[in-house]
């Protein structure tokens, strides 16, 4: 559904903006396998085809199975020394 895709993109942008306000530069969205499949289904339903999702709101997408139905917006350059990540729920 379009509403789910809008909710996900809004969450990515919200978390990225939170990080930017704190001086970080988010560059990656880590998504769990379950979350990725859900996002991919929503994107392909909206735009047709069976394409992989490589980017969300301008941020690269990487799959991290352990996250399950969640996603994390990350500044990979600051991750080791600062709280440069924001997590959110994708699959309700």
PDB file of N, CA and C in Angstrom:
ATOM      1  N   UNK A   1       0.828  -1.186   0.000  1.00  0.00           N
ATOM      2  CA  UNK A   1       0.000   0.000   0.000  1.00  0.00           C
ATOM      3  C   UNK A   1       0.873   1.250   0.000  1.00  0.00           C
ATOM      4  N   UNK A   2       0.390   2.247  -0.653  1.00  0.00           N
ATOM      5  CA  UNK A   2       1.115   3.511  -0.736  1.00  0.00           C
ATOM      6  C   UNK A   2       1.369   4.104   0.654  1.00  0.00           C
ATOM      7  N   UNK A   3       0.401   3.972   1.567  1.00  0.00           N
ATOM      8  CA  UNK A   3       0.549   4.514   2.916  1.00  0.00           C
ATOM      9  C   UNK A   3       1.739   3.925   3.655  1.00  0.00           C
ATOM     10  N   UNK A   4       1.971   2.611   3.498  1.00  0.00           N
ATOM     11  CA  UNK A   4       3.113   1.968   4.154  1.00  0.00           C
ATOM     12  C   UNK A   4       4.434   2.495   3.610  1.00  0.00           C
ATOM     13  N   UNK A   5       4.503   2.671   2.305  1.00  0.00           N
ATOM     14  CA  UNK A   5       5.730   3.174   1.693  1.00  0.00           C
ATOM     15  C   UNK A   5       5.996   4.612   2.140  1.00  0.00           C
ATOM     16  N   UNK A   6       4.962   5.420   2.193  1.00  0.00           N
ATOM     17  CA  UNK A   6       5.113   6.804   2.658  1.00  0.00           C
ATOM     18  C   UNK A   6       5.568   6.822   4.115  1.00  0.00           C
ATOM     19  N   UNK A   7       4.999   5.960   4.946  1.00  0.00           N
ATOM     20  CA  UNK A   7       5.381   5.873   6.366  1.00  0.00           C
ATOM     21  C   UNK A   7       6.857   5.518   6.510  1.00  0.00           C
ATOM     22  N   UNK A   8       7.317   4.547   5.719  1.00  0.00           N
ATOM     23  CA  UNK A   8       8.712   4.108   5.785  1.00  0.00           C
ATOM     24  C   UNK A   8       9.653   5.226   5.339  1.00  0.00           C
ATOM     25  N   UNK A   9       9.346   5.847   4.204  1.00  0.00           N
ATOM     26  CA  UNK A   9      10.200   6.930   3.708  1.00  0.00           C
ATOM     27  C   UNK A   9      10.209   8.103   4.677  1.00  0.00           C
ATOM     28  N   UNK A  10       9.070   8.396   5.272  1.00  0.00           N
ATOM     29  CA  UNK A  10       9.004   9.476   6.264  1.00  0.00           C
ATOM     30  C   UNK A  10       9.864   9.155   7.478  1.00  0.00           C
ATOM     31  N   UNK A  11       9.840   7.896   7.912  1.00  0.00           N
ATOM     32  CA  UNK A  11      10.656   7.485   9.054  1.00  0.00           C
ATOM     33  C   UNK A  11      12.141   7.604   8.740  1.00  0.00           C
ATOM     34  N   UNK A  12      12.545   7.192   7.552  1.00  0.00           N
ATOM     35  CA  UNK A  12      13.950   7.302   7.144  1.00  0.00           C
ATOM     36  C   UNK A  12      14.369   8.769   7.166  1.00  0.00           C
ATOM     37  N   UNK A  13      13.552   9.623   6.570  1.00  0.00           N
ATOM     38  CA  UNK A  13      13.887  11.044   6.510  1.00  0.00           C
ATOM     39  C   UNK A  13      13.890  11.684   7.898  1.00  0.00           C
ATOM     40  N   UNK A  14      12.946  11.298   8.750  1.00  0.00           N
ATOM     41  CA  UNK A  14      12.891  11.832  10.115  1.00  0.00           C
ATOM     42  C   UNK A  14      14.149  11.470  10.895  1.00  0.00           C
ATOM     43  N   UNK A  15      14.538  10.190  10.833  1.00  0.00           N
ATOM     44  CA  UNK A  15      15.726   9.746  11.568  1.00  0.00           C
ATOM     45  C   UNK A  15      16.992  10.377  10.996  1.00  0.00           C
ATOM     46  N   UNK A  16      17.065  10.511   9.676  1.00  0.00           N
ATOM     47  CA  UNK A  16      18.223  11.156   9.048  1.00  0.00           C
ATOM     48  C   UNK A  16      18.315  12.617   9.488  1.00  0.00           C
ATOM     49  N   UNK A  17      17.180  13.295   9.537  1.00  0.00           N
ATOM     50  CA  UNK A  17      17.173  14.699   9.965  1.00  0.00           C
ATOM     51  C   UNK A  17      17.583  14.843  11.426  1.00  0.00           C
ATOM     52  N   UNK A  18      17.150  13.917  12.283  1.00  0.00           N
ATOM     53  CA  UNK A  18      17.577  13.939  13.693  1.00  0.00           C
ATOM     54  C   UNK A  18      19.100  13.873  13.788  1.00  0.00           C
ATOM     55  N   UNK A  19      19.679  12.966  13.002  1.00  0.00           N
ATOM     56  CA  UNK A  19      21.139  12.827  13.014  1.00  0.00           C
ATOM     57  C   UNK A  19      21.826  14.078  12.479  1.00  0.00           C
ATOM     58  N   UNK A  20      21.278  14.650  11.415  1.00  0.00           N
ATOM     59  CA  UNK A  20      21.871  15.867  10.838  1.00  0.00           C
ATOM     60  C   UNK A  20      21.844  17.012  11.840  1.00  0.00           C
ATOM     61  N   UNK A  21      20.749  17.132  12.601  1.00  0.00           N
ATOM     62  CA  UNK A  21      20.649  18.190  13.603  1.00  0.00           C
ATOM     63  C   UNK A  21      21.711  18.049  14.687  1.00  0.00           C
ATOM     64  N   UNK A  22      22.189  16.825  14.888  1.00  0.00           N
ATOM     65  CA  UNK A  22      23.230  16.570  15.880  1.00  0.00           C
ATOM     66  C   UNK A  22      24.627  16.628  15.269  1.00  0.00           C
ATOM     67  N   UNK A  23      24.709  17.024  14.002  1.00  0.00           N
ATOM     68  CA  UNK A  23      26.002  17.198  13.357  1.00  0.00           C
ATOM     69  C   UNK A  23      26.522  15.983  12.609  1.00  0.00           C
ATOM     70  N   UNK A  24      25.710  14.938  12.495  1.00  0.00           N
ATOM     71  CA  UNK A  24      26.139  13.736  11.773  1.00  0.00           C
ATOM     72  C   UNK A  24      25.748  13.826  10.302  1.00  0.00           C
ATOM     73  N   UNK A  25      26.301  12.930   9.500  1.00  0.00           N
ATOM     74  CA  UNK A  25      26.002  12.845   8.076  1.00  0.00           C
ATOM     75  C   UNK A  25      25.552  11.429   7.742  1.00  0.00           C
ATOM     76  N   UNK A  26      24.263  11.123   7.928  1.00  0.00           N
ATOM     77  CA  UNK A  26      23.785   9.765   7.660  1.00  0.00           C
ATOM     78  C   UNK A  26      24.005   9.378   6.202  1.00  0.00           C
ATOM     79  N   UNK A  27      24.458   8.133   5.996  1.00  0.00           N
ATOM     80  CA  UNK A  27      24.743   7.697   4.638  1.00  0.00           C
ATOM     81  C   UNK A  27      24.237   6.288   4.315  1.00  0.00           C
ATOM     82  N   UNK A  28      23.740   5.569   5.319  1.00  0.00           N
ATOM     83  CA  UNK A  28      23.295   4.189   5.104  1.00  0.00           C
ATOM     84  C   UNK A  28      22.038   3.914   5.921  1.00  0.00           C
ATOM     85  N   UNK A  29      21.168   3.073   5.356  1.00  0.00           N
ATOM     86  CA  UNK A  29      20.039   2.528   6.106  1.00  0.00           C
ATOM     87  C   UNK A  29      20.265   1.026   6.197  1.00  0.00           C
ATOM     88  N   UNK A  30      20.487   0.533   7.408  1.00  0.00           N
ATOM     89  CA  UNK A  30      20.588  -0.911   7.631  1.00  0.00           C
ATOM     90  C   UNK A  30      19.175  -1.420   7.844  1.00  0.00           C
ATOM     91  N   UNK A  31      18.792  -2.462   7.118  1.00  0.00           N
ATOM     92  CA  UNK A  31      17.449  -3.014   7.271  1.00  0.00           C
ATOM     93  C   UNK A  31      17.519  -4.505   7.531  1.00  0.00           C
ATOM     94  N   UNK A  32      16.632  -4.990   8.376  1.00  0.00           N
ATOM     95  CA  UNK A  32      16.536  -6.421   8.616  1.00  0.00           C
ATOM     96  C   UNK A  32      15.974  -7.117   7.393  1.00  0.00           C
ATOM     97  N   UNK A  33      16.165  -8.404   7.318  1.00  0.00           N
ATOM     98  CA  UNK A  33      15.697  -9.181   6.162  1.00  0.00           C
ATOM     99  C   UNK A  33      14.183  -9.058   6.003  1.00  0.00           C
ATOM    100  N   UNK A  34      13.456  -9.186   7.093  1.00  0.00           N
ATOM    101  CA  UNK A  34      11.998  -9.070   7.061  1.00  0.00           C
ATOM    102  C   UNK A  34      11.585  -7.661   6.608  1.00  0.00           C
ATOM    103  N   UNK A  35      12.249  -6.653   7.131  1.00  0.00           N
ATOM    104  CA  UNK A  35      11.965  -5.268   6.748  1.00  0.00           C
ATOM    105  C   UNK A  35      12.275  -5.044   5.276  1.00  0.00           C
ATOM    106  N   UNK A  36      13.400  -5.590   4.801  1.00  0.00           N
ATOM    107  CA  UNK A  36      13.784  -5.409   3.403  1.00  0.00           C
ATOM    108  C   UNK A  36      12.738  -6.011   2.477  1.00  0.00           C
ATOM    109  N   UNK A  37      12.309  -7.224   2.785  1.00  0.00           N
ATOM    110  CA  UNK A  37      11.305  -7.880   1.934  1.00  0.00           C
ATOM    111  C   UNK A  37      10.013  -7.076   1.899  1.00  0.00           C
ATOM    112  N   UNK A  38       9.617  -6.519   3.036  1.00  0.00           N
ATOM    113  CA  UNK A  38       8.412  -5.699   3.113  1.00  0.00           C
ATOM    114  C   UNK A  38       8.580  -4.425   2.277  1.00  0.00           C
ATOM    115  N   UNK A  39       9.714  -3.760   2.407  1.00  0.00           N
ATOM    116  CA  UNK A  39       9.976  -2.539   1.638  1.00  0.00           C
ATOM    117  C   UNK A  39      10.002  -2.848   0.146  1.00  0.00           C
ATOM    118  N   UNK A  40      10.691  -3.910  -0.215  1.00  0.00           N
ATOM    119  CA  UNK A  40      10.795  -4.300  -1.622  1.00  0.00           C
ATOM    120  C   UNK A  40       9.406  -4.572  -2.207  1.00  0.00           C
ATOM    121  N   UNK A  41       8.567  -5.265  -1.459  1.00  0.00           N
ATOM    122  CA  UNK A  41       7.199  -5.560  -1.893  1.00  0.00           C
ATOM    123  C   UNK A  41       6.413  -4.258  -2.120  1.00  0.00           C
ATOM    124  N   UNK A  42       6.556  -3.301  -1.199  1.00  0.00           N
ATOM    125  CA  UNK A  42       5.849  -2.030  -1.311  1.00  0.00           C
ATOM    126  C   UNK A  42       6.327  -1.231  -2.527  1.00  0.00           C
ATOM    127  N   UNK A  43       7.638  -1.179  -2.730  1.00  0.00           N
ATOM    128  CA  UNK A  43       8.200  -0.437  -3.857  1.00  0.00           C
ATOM    129  C   UNK A  43       7.768  -1.062  -5.179  1.00  0.00           C
ATOM    130  N   UNK A  44       7.857  -2.376  -5.278  1.00  0.00           N
ATOM    131  CA  UNK A  44       7.493  -3.043  -6.524  1.00  0.00           C
ATOM    132  C   UNK A  44       5.998  -2.972  -6.797  1.00  0.00           C
ATOM    133  N   UNK A  45       5.191  -2.960  -5.743  1.00  0.00           N
ATOM    134  CA  UNK A  45       3.742  -2.796  -5.911  1.00  0.00           C
ATOM    135  C   UNK A  45       3.431  -1.390  -6.424  1.00  0.00           C
ATOM    136  N   UNK A  46       4.138  -0.405  -5.910  1.00  0.00           N
ATOM    137  CA  UNK A  46       3.903   0.994  -6.283  1.00  0.00           C
ATOM    138  C   UNK A  46       4.402   1.301  -7.695  1.00  0.00           C
ATOM    139  N   UNK A  47       5.599   0.790  -8.034  1.00  0.00           N
ATOM    140  CA  UNK A  47       6.225   1.165  -9.301  1.00  0.00           C
ATOM    141  C   UNK A  47       6.276   0.047 -10.330  1.00  0.00           C
ATOM    142  N   UNK A  48       5.823  -1.139  -9.976  1.00  0.00           N
ATOM    143  CA  UNK A  48       5.859  -2.267 -10.895  1.00  0.00           C
ATOM    144  C   UNK A  48       7.241  -2.888 -10.965  1.00  0.00           C
ATOM    145  N   UNK A  49       7.308  -4.063 -11.572  1.00  0.00           N
ATOM    146  CA  UNK A  49       8.598  -4.733 -11.726  1.00  0.00           C
ATOM    147  C   UNK A  49       8.976  -5.553 -10.513  1.00  0.00           C
ATOM    148  N   UNK A  50      10.215  -6.019 -10.528  1.00  0.00           N
ATOM    149  CA  UNK A  50      10.733  -6.839  -9.436  1.00  0.00           C
ATOM    150  C   UNK A  50      12.179  -6.434  -9.169  1.00  0.00           C
ATOM    151  N   UNK A  51      12.363  -5.148  -8.915  1.00  0.00           N
ATOM    152  CA  UNK A  51      13.691  -4.576  -8.733  1.00  0.00           C
ATOM    153  C   UNK A  51      14.146  -4.664  -7.282  1.00  0.00           C
ATOM    154  N   UNK A  52      15.461  -4.687  -7.095  1.00  0.00           N
ATOM    155  CA  UNK A  52      16.042  -4.612  -5.763  1.00  0.00           C
ATOM    156  C   UNK A  52      15.970  -3.161  -5.284  1.00  0.00           C
ATOM    157  N   UNK A  53      15.872  -2.969  -3.989  1.00  0.00           N
ATOM    158  CA  UNK A  53      15.868  -1.625  -3.414  1.00  0.00           C
ATOM    159  C   UNK A  53      17.298  -1.317  -2.989  1.00  0.00           C
ATOM    160  N   UNK A  54      17.910  -0.362  -3.663  1.00  0.00           N
ATOM    161  CA  UNK A  54      19.305  -0.007  -3.401  1.00  0.00           C
ATOM    162  C   UNK A  54      19.436   1.259  -2.567  1.00  0.00           C
ATOM    163  N   UNK A  55      18.351   2.062  -2.536  1.00  0.00           N
ATOM    164  CA  UNK A  55      18.406   3.365  -1.895  1.00  0.00           C
ATOM    165  C   UNK A  55      17.037   3.740  -1.332  1.00  0.00           C
ATOM    166  N   UNK A  56      17.035   4.404  -0.191  1.00  0.00           N
ATOM    167  CA  UNK A  56      15.817   4.980   0.381  1.00  0.00           C
ATOM    168  C   UNK A  56      16.125   6.413   0.766  1.00  0.00           C
ATOM    169  N   UNK A  57      15.382   7.340   0.221  1.00  0.00           N
ATOM    170  CA  UNK A  57      15.568   8.764   0.522  1.00  0.00           C
ATOM    171  C   UNK A  57      17.021   9.206   0.356  1.00  0.00           C
ATOM    172  N   UNK A  58      17.679   8.675  -0.665  1.00  0.00           N
ATOM    173  CA  UNK A  58      19.055   9.075  -0.954  1.00  0.00           C
ATOM    174  C   UNK A  58      20.121   8.373  -0.138  1.00  0.00           C
ATOM    175  N   UNK A  59      19.726   7.448   0.735  1.00  0.00           N
ATOM    176  CA  UNK A  59      20.683   6.697   1.557  1.00  0.00           C
ATOM    177  C   UNK A  59      20.791   5.268   1.034  1.00  0.00           C
ATOM    178  N   UNK A  60      22.031   4.757   0.985  1.00  0.00           N
ATOM    179  CA  UNK A  60      22.240   3.371   0.539  1.00  0.00           C
ATOM    180  C   UNK A  60      21.567   2.398   1.494  1.00  0.00           C
ATOM    181  N   UNK A  61      21.054   1.312   0.953  1.00  0.00           N
ATOM    182  CA  UNK A  61      20.400   0.274   1.757  1.00  0.00           C
ATOM    183  C   UNK A  61      21.324  -0.926   1.870  1.00  0.00           C
ATOM    184  N   UNK A  62      21.489  -1.418   3.095  1.00  0.00           N
ATOM    185  CA  UNK A  62      22.265  -2.634   3.367  1.00  0.00           C
ATOM    186  C   UNK A  62      21.420  -3.531   4.261  1.00  0.00           C
ATOM    187  N   UNK A  63      21.450  -4.826   3.977  1.00  0.00           N
ATOM    188  CA  UNK A  63      20.655  -5.784   4.751  1.00  0.00           C
ATOM    189  C   UNK A  63      21.491  -6.351   5.887  1.00  0.00           C
ATOM    190  N   UNK A  64      20.910  -6.344   7.075  1.00  0.00           N
ATOM    191  CA  UNK A  64      21.504  -6.931   8.270  1.00  0.00           C
ATOM    192  C   UNK A  64      20.427  -7.794   8.908  1.00  0.00           C
ATOM    193  N   UNK A  65      20.502  -9.100   8.640  1.00  0.00           N
ATOM    194  CA  UNK A  65      19.447 -10.027   9.042  1.00  0.00           C
ATOM    195  C   UNK A  65      19.005  -9.888  10.489  1.00  0.00           C
ATOM    196  N   UNK A  66      19.941  -9.629  11.369  1.00  0.00           N
ATOM    197  CA  UNK A  66      19.642  -9.582  12.806  1.00  0.00           C
ATOM    198  C   UNK A  66      18.644  -8.494  13.189  1.00  0.00           C
ATOM    199  N   UNK A  67      18.434  -7.525  12.334  1.00  0.00           N
ATOM    200  CA  UNK A  67      17.484  -6.448  12.645  1.00  0.00           C
ATOM    201  C   UNK A  67      16.028  -6.865  12.460  1.00  0.00           C
ATOM    202  N   UNK A  68      15.792  -7.972  11.785  1.00  0.00           N
ATOM    203  CA  UNK A  68      14.425  -8.468  11.610  1.00  0.00           C
ATOM    204  C   UNK A  68      13.537  -7.470  10.892  1.00  0.00           C
ATOM    205  N   UNK A  69      12.507  -6.966  11.585  1.00  0.00           N
ATOM    206  CA  UNK A  69      11.559  -6.026  10.993  1.00  0.00           C
ATOM    207  C   UNK A  69      11.913  -4.571  11.220  1.00  0.00           C
ATOM    208  N   UNK A  70      13.116  -4.296  11.695  1.00  0.00           N
ATOM    209  CA  UNK A  70      13.540  -2.935  11.997  1.00  0.00           C
ATOM    210  C   UNK A  70      14.540  -2.417  10.959  1.00  0.00           C
ATOM    211  N   UNK A  71      14.781  -1.114  11.037  1.00  0.00           N
ATOM    212  CA  UNK A  71      15.802  -0.475  10.208  1.00  0.00           C
ATOM    213  C   UNK A  71      16.534   0.545  11.065  1.00  0.00           C
ATOM    214  N   UNK A  72      17.763   0.854  10.670  1.00  0.00           N
ATOM    215  CA  UNK A  72      18.583   1.818  11.401  1.00  0.00           C
ATOM    216  C   UNK A  72      19.233   2.763  10.395  1.00  0.00           C
ATOM    217  N   UNK A  73      19.031   4.060  10.596  1.00  0.00           N
ATOM    218  CA  UNK A  73      19.706   5.074   9.787  1.00  0.00           C
ATOM    219  C   UNK A  73      21.035   5.365  10.479  1.00  0.00           C
ATOM    220  N   UNK A  74      22.134   5.321   9.705  1.00  0.00           N
ATOM    221  CA  UNK A  74      23.469   5.350  10.291  1.00  0.00           C
ATOM    222  C   UNK A  74      24.390   6.336   9.568  1.00  0.00           C
ATOM    223  N   UNK A  75      25.245   6.993  10.353  1.00  0.00           N
ATOM    224  CA  UNK A  75      26.392   7.725   9.816  1.00  0.00           C
ATOM    225  C   UNK A  75      27.581   6.784  10.021  1.00  0.00           C
ATOM    226  N   UNK A  76      28.007   6.109   8.977  1.00  0.00           N
ATOM    227  CA  UNK A  76      29.042   5.081   9.113  1.00  0.00           C
ATOM    228  C   UNK A  76      30.395   5.654   9.525  1.00  0.00           C
ATOM    229  N   UNK A  77      30.632   6.917   9.239  1.00  0.00           N
ATOM    230  CA  UNK A  77      31.924   7.520   9.594  1.00  0.00           C
ATOM    231  C   UNK A  77      32.034   7.793  11.092  1.00  0.00           C
ATOM    232  N   UNK A  78      30.905   7.955  11.772  1.00  0.00           N
ATOM    233  CA  UNK A  78      30.924   8.300  13.196  1.00  0.00           C
ATOM    234  C   UNK A  78      30.430   7.169  14.089  1.00  0.00           C
ATOM    235  N   UNK A  79      30.082   6.069  13.526  1.00  0.00           N
ATOM    236  CA  UNK A  79      29.425   4.996  14.276  1.00  0.00           C
ATOM    237  C   UNK A  79      30.258   4.447  15.423  1.00  0.00           C
ATOM    238  N   UNK A  80      31.543   4.353  15.264  1.00  0.00           N
ATOM    239  CA  UNK A  80      32.385   3.755  16.292  1.00  0.00           C
ATOM    240  C   UNK A  80      32.607   4.607  17.526  1.00  0.00           C
ATOM    241  N   UNK A  81      32.428   5.907  17.428  1.00  0.00           N
ATOM    242  CA  UNK A  81      32.761   6.761  18.557  1.00  0.00           C
ATOM    243  C   UNK A  81      31.624   7.674  19.015  1.00  0.00           C
ATOM    244  N   UNK A  82      30.474   7.607  18.380  1.00  0.00           N
ATOM    245  CA  UNK A  82      29.360   8.483  18.761  1.00  0.00           C
ATOM    246  C   UNK A  82      28.038   7.752  18.529  1.00  0.00           C
ATOM    247  N   UNK A  83      26.991   8.206  19.192  1.00  0.00           N
ATOM    248  CA  UNK A  83      25.666   7.593  18.973  1.00  0.00           C
ATOM    249  C   UNK A  83      25.085   8.078  17.642  1.00  0.00           C
ATOM    250  N   UNK A  84      25.659   7.604  16.544  1.00  0.00           N
ATOM    251  CA  UNK A  84      25.326   8.097  15.213  1.00  0.00           C
ATOM    252  C   UNK A  84      24.354   7.182  14.481  1.00  0.00           C
ATOM    253  N   UNK A  85      23.333   6.688  15.190  1.00  0.00           N
ATOM    254  CA  UNK A  85      22.359   5.791  14.575  1.00  0.00           C
ATOM    255  C   UNK A  85      20.990   6.018  15.209  1.00  0.00           C
ATOM    256  N   UNK A  86      19.937   5.820  14.404  1.00  0.00           N
ATOM    257  CA  UNK A  86      18.559   5.924  14.887  1.00  0.00           C
ATOM    258  C   UNK A  86      17.777   4.741  14.332  1.00  0.00           C
ATOM    259  N   UNK A  87      17.141   4.002  15.218  1.00  0.00           N
ATOM    260  CA  UNK A  87      16.408   2.796  14.842  1.00  0.00           C
ATOM    261  C   UNK A  87      14.912   3.074  14.782  1.00  0.00           C
ATOM    262  N   UNK A  88      14.226   2.380  13.865  1.00  0.00           N
ATOM    263  CA  UNK A  88      12.764   2.480  13.793  1.00  0.00           C
ATOM    264  C   UNK A  88      12.175   1.169  13.294  1.00  0.00           C
ATOM    265  N   UNK A  89      10.893   0.992  13.541  1.00  0.00           N
ATOM    266  CA  UNK A  89      10.169  -0.229  13.182  1.00  0.00           C
ATOM    267  C   UNK A  89       9.607  -0.096  11.774  1.00  0.00           C
ATOM    268  N   UNK A  90       9.861  -1.077  10.898  1.00  0.00           N
ATOM    269  CA  UNK A  90       9.329  -1.078   9.549  1.00  0.00           C
ATOM    270  C   UNK A  90       8.087  -1.955   9.484  1.00  0.00           C
ATOM    271  N   UNK A  91       8.216  -3.190   9.929  1.00  0.00           N
ATOM    272  CA  UNK A  91       7.107  -4.143   9.898  1.00  0.00           C
ATOM    273  C   UNK A  91       6.375  -4.062  11.229  1.00  0.00           C
ATOM    274  N   UNK A  92       5.117  -3.697  11.159  1.00  0.00           N
ATOM    275  CA  UNK A  92       4.310  -3.512  12.379  1.00  0.00           C
ATOM    276  C   UNK A  92       3.889  -4.828  12.979  1.00  0.00           C
TER     277      UNK A  92
END
